[in-house]
C-alpha atoms as a PDB file:
ATOM      1  CA  MET A   1      17.228  32.868  70.664  1.00  0.00           C
ATOM      2  CA  PRO A   2      20.025  33.094  73.279  1.00  0.00           C
ATOM      3  CA  GLY A   3      23.480  34.018  71.991  1.00  0.00           C
ATOM      4  CA  GLU A   4      22.128  36.005  69.027  1.00  0.00           C
ATOM      5  CA  GLU A   5      22.036  39.813  68.816  1.00  0.00           C
ATOM      6  CA  ASP A   6      20.805  42.258  66.156  1.00  0.00           C
ATOM      7  CA  PHE A   7      22.099  45.808  65.768  1.00  0.00           C
ATOM      8  CA  TYR A   8      21.341  48.539  63.234  1.00  0.00           C
ATOM      9  CA  ASP A   9      24.786  50.164  63.428  1.00  0.00           C
ATOM     10  CA  LEU A  10      27.562  48.829  65.639  1.00  0.00           C
ATOM     11  CA  THR A  11      30.645  50.812  66.679  1.00  0.00           C
ATOM     12  CA  ILE A  12      33.439  49.219  68.681  1.00  0.00           C
ATOM     13  CA  SER A  13      35.284  52.035  70.442  1.00  0.00           C
ATOM     14  CA  LYS A  14      36.689  50.469  73.616  1.00  0.00           C
ATOM     15  CA  ILE A  15      40.380  51.434  73.529  1.00  0.00           C
ATOM     16  CA  ASN A  16      43.136  49.005  74.606  1.00  0.00           C
ATOM     17  CA  ALA A  17      40.697  46.238  75.554  1.00  0.00           C
ATOM     18  CA  GLU A  18      39.536  43.342  73.406  1.00  0.00           C
ATOM     19  CA  VAL A  19      35.843  43.100  72.612  1.00  0.00           C
ATOM     20  CA  SER A  20      34.783  39.612  71.505  1.00  0.00           C
ATOM     21  CA  THR A  21      31.558  38.063  70.280  1.00  0.00           C
ATOM     22  CA  ALA A  22      29.761  35.678  72.649  1.00  0.00           C
ATOM     23  CA  GLY A  23      27.301  34.471  70.007  1.00  0.00           C
ATOM     24  CA  ASN A  24      26.011  35.242  66.531  1.00  0.00           C
ATOM     25  CA  ILE A  25      25.658  38.930  65.620  1.00  0.00           C
ATOM     26  CA  THR A  26      23.763  40.578  62.783  1.00  0.00           C
ATOM     27  CA  VAL A  27      24.549  44.217  61.963  1.00  0.00           C
ATOM     28  CA  ASN A  28      21.777  45.550  59.736  1.00  0.00           C
ATOM     29  CA  ASN A  29      23.829  48.513  58.525  1.00  0.00           C
ATOM     30  CA  ASN A  30      27.520  49.362  59.201  1.00  0.00           C
ATOM     31  CA  LEU A  31      30.134  47.986  61.595  1.00  0.00           C
ATOM     32  CA  THR A  32      32.906  50.422  62.590  1.00  0.00           C
ATOM     33  CA  VAL A  33      35.969  49.603  64.678  1.00  0.00           C
ATOM     34  CA  LYS A  34      37.584  52.810  65.985  1.00  0.00           C
ATOM     35  CA  PRO A  35      41.358  53.436  66.188  1.00  0.00           C
ATOM     36  CA  GLY A  36      42.898  51.593  69.133  1.00  0.00           C
ATOM     37  CA  ALA A  37      39.925  49.236  69.558  1.00  0.00           C
ATOM     38  CA  TYR A  38      40.281  45.448  69.269  1.00  0.00           C
ATOM     39  CA  PHE A  39      37.345  43.370  67.999  1.00  0.00           C
ATOM     40  CA  THR A  40      37.353  39.575  67.612  1.00  0.00           C
ATOM     41  CA  ASN A  41      34.639  37.398  66.118  1.00  0.00           C
ATOM     42  CA  ALA A  42      35.159  34.331  68.325  1.00  0.00           C
ATOM     43  CA  THR A  43      35.388  30.723  67.130  1.00  0.00           C
ATOM     44  CA  GLY A  44      32.046  29.266  66.057  1.00  0.00           C
ATOM     45  CA  ASN A  45      30.243  32.609  65.861  1.00  0.00           C
ATOM     46  CA  ASP A  46      28.620  34.140  62.788  1.00  0.00           C
ATOM     47  CA  LEU A  47      29.003  37.882  62.206  1.00  0.00           C
ATOM     48  CA  SER A  48      26.857  39.256  59.394  1.00  0.00           C
ATOM     49  CA  VAL A  49      27.209  42.893  58.265  1.00  0.00           C
ATOM     50  CA  ALA A  50      24.572  44.161  55.817  1.00  0.00           C
ATOM     51  CA  GLY A  51      26.465  47.414  55.138  1.00  0.00           C
ATOM     52  CA  ASP A  52      30.161  48.289  55.325  1.00  0.00           C
ATOM     53  CA  LEU A  53      32.911  47.120  57.674  1.00  0.00           C
ATOM     54  CA  HIS A  54      35.141  50.107  58.473  1.00  0.00           C
ATOM     55  CA  LEU A  55      38.445  49.685  60.340  1.00  0.00           C
ATOM     56  CA  GLU A  56      39.644  53.197  61.194  1.00  0.00           C
ATOM     57  CA  ALA A  57      43.122  54.601  61.846  1.00  0.00           C
ATOM     58  CA  SER A  58      44.470  57.781  63.399  1.00  0.00           C
ATOM     59  CA  GLU A  59      47.892  59.272  64.011  1.00  0.00           C
ATOM     60  CA  THR A  60      48.167  57.272  67.252  1.00  0.00           C
ATOM     61  CA  SER A  61      46.618  53.866  66.522  1.00  0.00           C
ATOM     62  CA  MET A  62      44.778  51.536  64.173  1.00  0.00           C
ATOM     63  CA  ALA A  63      41.721  49.333  64.580  1.00  0.00           C
ATOM     64  CA  SER A  64      42.143  45.571  64.964  1.00  0.00           C
ATOM     65  CA  PHE A  65      39.712  42.935  63.687  1.00  0.00           C
ATOM     66  CA  ILE A  66      40.359  39.206  64.044  1.00  0.00           C
ATOM     67  CA  ASP A  67      37.914  36.738  62.522  1.00  0.00           C
ATOM     68  CA  GLU A  68      38.061  33.332  64.188  1.00  0.00           C
ATOM     69  CA  GLY A  69      34.446  32.562  63.259  1.00  0.00           C
ATOM     70  CA  ASN A  70      32.520  33.249  60.054  1.00  0.00           C
ATOM     71  CA  THR A  71      32.159  36.876  58.946  1.00  0.00           C
ATOM     72  CA  THR A  72      30.233  38.076  55.899  1.00  0.00           C
ATOM     73  CA  VAL A  73      30.124  41.700  54.724  1.00  0.00           C
ATOM     74  CA  ALA A  74      27.540  42.666  52.089  1.00  0.00           C
ATOM     75  CA  GLY A  75      29.018  46.140  51.544  1.00  0.00           C
ATOM     76  CA  ASN A  76      32.661  47.177  51.384  1.00  0.00           C
ATOM     77  CA  ALA A  77      35.460  46.441  53.814  1.00  0.00           C
ATOM     78  CA  ILE A  78      37.380  49.685  54.330  1.00  0.00           C
ATOM     79  CA  VAL A  79      40.743  49.433  56.092  1.00  0.00           C
ATOM     80  CA  GLU A  80      42.585  52.619  57.036  1.00  0.00           C
ATOM     81  CA  GLN A  81      46.319  52.765  57.596  1.00  0.00           C
ATOM     82  CA  TYR A  82      47.960  55.910  58.967  1.00  0.00           C
ATOM     83  CA  LEU A  83      51.474  56.785  57.789  1.00  0.00           C
ATOM     84  CA  ALA A  84      53.152  59.817  59.331  1.00  0.00           C
ATOM     85  CA  TYR A  85      55.787  61.870  57.575  1.00  0.00           C
ATOM     86  CA  ASP A  86      57.992  64.585  59.058  1.00  0.00           C
ATOM     87  CA  ALA A  87      59.568  66.722  56.310  1.00  0.00           C
ATOM     88  CA  LEU A  88      62.343  67.892  58.653  1.00  0.00           C
ATOM     89  CA  ALA A  89      63.455  64.298  59.324  1.00  0.00           C
ATOM     90  CA  GLY A  90      64.054  63.509  55.621  1.00  0.00           C
ATOM     91  CA  TYR A  91      63.255  60.098  54.169  1.00  0.00           C
ATOM     92  CA  GLN A  92      61.134  57.925  56.441  1.00  0.00           C
ATOM     93  CA  ASN A  93      60.497  54.262  55.778  1.00  0.00           C
ATOM     94  CA  HIS A  94      57.272  52.488  56.698  1.00  0.00           C
ATOM     95  CA  LEU A  95      57.109  48.716  56.324  1.00  0.00           C
ATOM     96  CA  VAL A  96      53.573  47.854  55.229  1.00  0.00           C
ATOM     97  CA  SER A  97      51.565  44.939  53.879  1.00  0.00           C
ATOM     98  CA  SER A  98      48.081  44.661  52.481  1.00  0.00           C
ATOM     99  CA  PRO A  99      45.469  42.999  54.691  1.00  0.00           C
ATOM    100  CA  ILE A 100      43.027  42.669  51.769  1.00  0.00           C
ATOM    101  CA  SER A 101      43.124  40.799  48.477  1.00  0.00           C
ATOM    102  CA  ASN A 102      42.499  43.591  45.975  1.00  0.00           C
ATOM    103  CA  ALA A 103      44.651  46.524  47.129  1.00  0.00           C
ATOM    104  CA  THR A 104      46.701  48.244  44.437  1.00  0.00           C
ATOM    105  CA  LEU A 105      49.684  50.568  44.212  1.00  0.00           C
ATOM    106  CA  ASN A 106      47.246  53.481  43.878  1.00  0.00           C
ATOM    107  CA  THR A 107      46.639  53.219  47.654  1.00  0.00           C
ATOM    108  CA  TYR A 108      50.136  54.641  48.152  1.00  0.00           C
ATOM    109  CA  TYR A 109      50.101  56.907  45.087  1.00  0.00           C
ATOM    110  CA  ASP A 110      52.030  59.796  46.626  1.00  0.00           C
ATOM    111  CA  LEU A 111      54.840  57.819  48.295  1.00  0.00           C
ATOM    112  CA  TYR A 112      57.915  56.035  47.014  1.00  0.00           C
ATOM    113  CA  PHE A 113      56.972  52.354  47.080  1.00  0.00           C
ATOM    114  CA  TYR A 114      59.290  49.339  47.040  1.00  0.00           C
ATOM    115  CA  ALA A 115      58.920  45.554  46.994  1.00  0.00           C
ATOM    116  CA  TYR A 116      61.565  43.312  48.523  1.00  0.00           C
ATOM    117  CA  ASP A 117      63.458  41.140  46.022  1.00  0.00           C
ATOM    118  CA  GLU A 118      65.231  38.176  47.642  1.00  0.00           C
ATOM    119  CA  ALA A 119      67.465  37.763  44.558  1.00  0.00           C
ATOM    120  CA  GLY A 120      68.891  41.269  45.046  1.00  0.00           C
ATOM    121  CA  THR A 121      69.407  42.272  41.418  1.00  0.00           C
ATOM    122  CA  ASP A 122      72.188  44.828  40.832  1.00  0.00           C
ATOM    123  CA  GLY A 123      73.135  44.763  44.526  1.00  0.00           C
ATOM    124  CA  SER A 124      69.748  46.107  45.603  1.00  0.00           C
ATOM    125  CA  TYR A 125      67.116  44.125  47.456  1.00  0.00           C
ATOM    126  CA  TRP A 126      64.339  46.671  47.001  1.00  0.00           C
ATOM    127  CA  ASP A 127      62.611  47.198  43.639  1.00  0.00           C
ATOM    128  CA  ASN A 128      60.950  50.580  43.106  1.00  0.00           C
ATOM    129  CA  ILE A 129      57.320  50.136  42.010  1.00  0.00           C
ATOM    130  CA  TYR A 130      55.800  53.232  40.460  1.00  0.00           C
ATOM    131  CA  GLU A 131      53.501  51.955  37.711  1.00  0.00           C
ATOM    132  CA  PRO A 132      50.986  50.826  36.765  1.00  0.00           C
ATOM    133  CA  LEU A 133      48.788  52.330  39.474  1.00  0.00           C
ATOM    134  CA  ASP A 134      46.620  49.197  39.379  1.00  0.00           C
ATOM    135  CA  PHE A 135      49.654  47.013  40.257  1.00  0.00           C
ATOM    136  CA  PRO A 136      48.216  44.421  42.704  1.00  0.00           C
ATOM    137  CA  LEU A 137      49.668  44.210  46.223  1.00  0.00           C
ATOM    138  CA  ALA A 138      50.000  40.652  47.504  1.00  0.00           C
ATOM    139  CA  VAL A 139      48.299  39.942  50.838  1.00  0.00           C
ATOM    140  CA  GLY A 140      50.863  39.588  53.608  1.00  0.00           C
ATOM    141  CA  GLN A 141      53.865  40.554  51.444  1.00  0.00           C
ATOM    142  CA  GLY A 142      56.087  43.214  52.946  1.00  0.00           C
ATOM    143  CA  TYR A 143      56.574  46.522  51.151  1.00  0.00           C
ATOM    144  CA  ASN A 144      58.410  49.744  51.963  1.00  0.00           C
ATOM    145  CA  ALA A 145      56.439  53.004  51.650  1.00  0.00           C
ATOM    146  CA  THR A 146      58.794  55.987  51.899  1.00  0.00           C
ATOM    147  CA  GLY A 147      58.084  59.702  52.069  1.00  0.00           C
ATOM    148  CA  SER A 148      60.483  62.452  51.002  1.00  0.00           C
ATOM    149  CA  GLN A 149      60.447  66.176  50.428  1.00  0.00           C
ATOM    150  CA  TYR A 150      58.846  65.450  47.028  1.00  0.00           C
ATOM    151  CA  TYR A 151      56.393  62.735  48.008  1.00  0.00           C
ATOM    152  CA  THR A 152      54.931  63.472  51.395  1.00  0.00           C
ATOM    153  CA  GLY A 153      52.183  60.861  51.497  1.00  0.00           C
ATOM    154  CA  THR A 154      48.631  61.115  52.626  1.00  0.00           C
ATOM    155  CA  THR A 155      47.918  61.030  56.318  1.00  0.00           C
ATOM    156  CA  THR A 156      45.627  58.030  55.952  1.00  0.00           C
ATOM    157  CA  CYS A 157      45.853  55.360  53.251  1.00  0.00           C
ATOM    158  CA  LEU A 158      42.543  53.653  52.528  1.00  0.00           C
ATOM    159  CA  LEU A 159      42.444  50.042  51.431  1.00  0.00           C
ATOM    160  CA  TYR A 160      39.112  48.887  50.008  1.00  0.00           C
ATOM    161  CA  THR A 161      37.726  45.540  49.089  1.00  0.00           C
ATOM    162  CA  SER A 162      34.428  44.766  47.430  1.00  0.00           C
ATOM    163  CA  PRO A 163      32.054  42.244  48.948  1.00  0.00           C
ATOM    164  CA  SER A 164      32.727  38.632  48.101  1.00  0.00           C
ATOM    165  CA  PRO A 165      30.374  37.078  45.511  1.00  0.00           C
END
């Protein structure tokens, strides 16, 4: 049928250019979007992934995935986020937010982590969050992940989500 394509594995690696669906796509195993690549499932198109969706990151860029159609992932969605830390520069702040619904504080386990508090209790607008490790991160809420000489952070933070029921 025109406008429908099947792949076993699909890797989007075109850097600094958007790749977009022109019809329905079925990926019978894993879909990977490489760092610096932009992939959009266009309006009205179905994208079905039988395995995992993996959005990779590196020290220079992150993958981008925009779903304007209908995407289903039977496996896990794995979203990487790269946070650099230079010990000679001292504290370094990274403003982050979770793109998935079930990320927890454990994703940033070796960084100082703060949530913004509009009320500004005790003259501070940032609340330090350090426990519990399963503290849920709200989708789209801004947080501050900060490295120091004591907490240097991982090079790549991995955010996972399980398939939807």
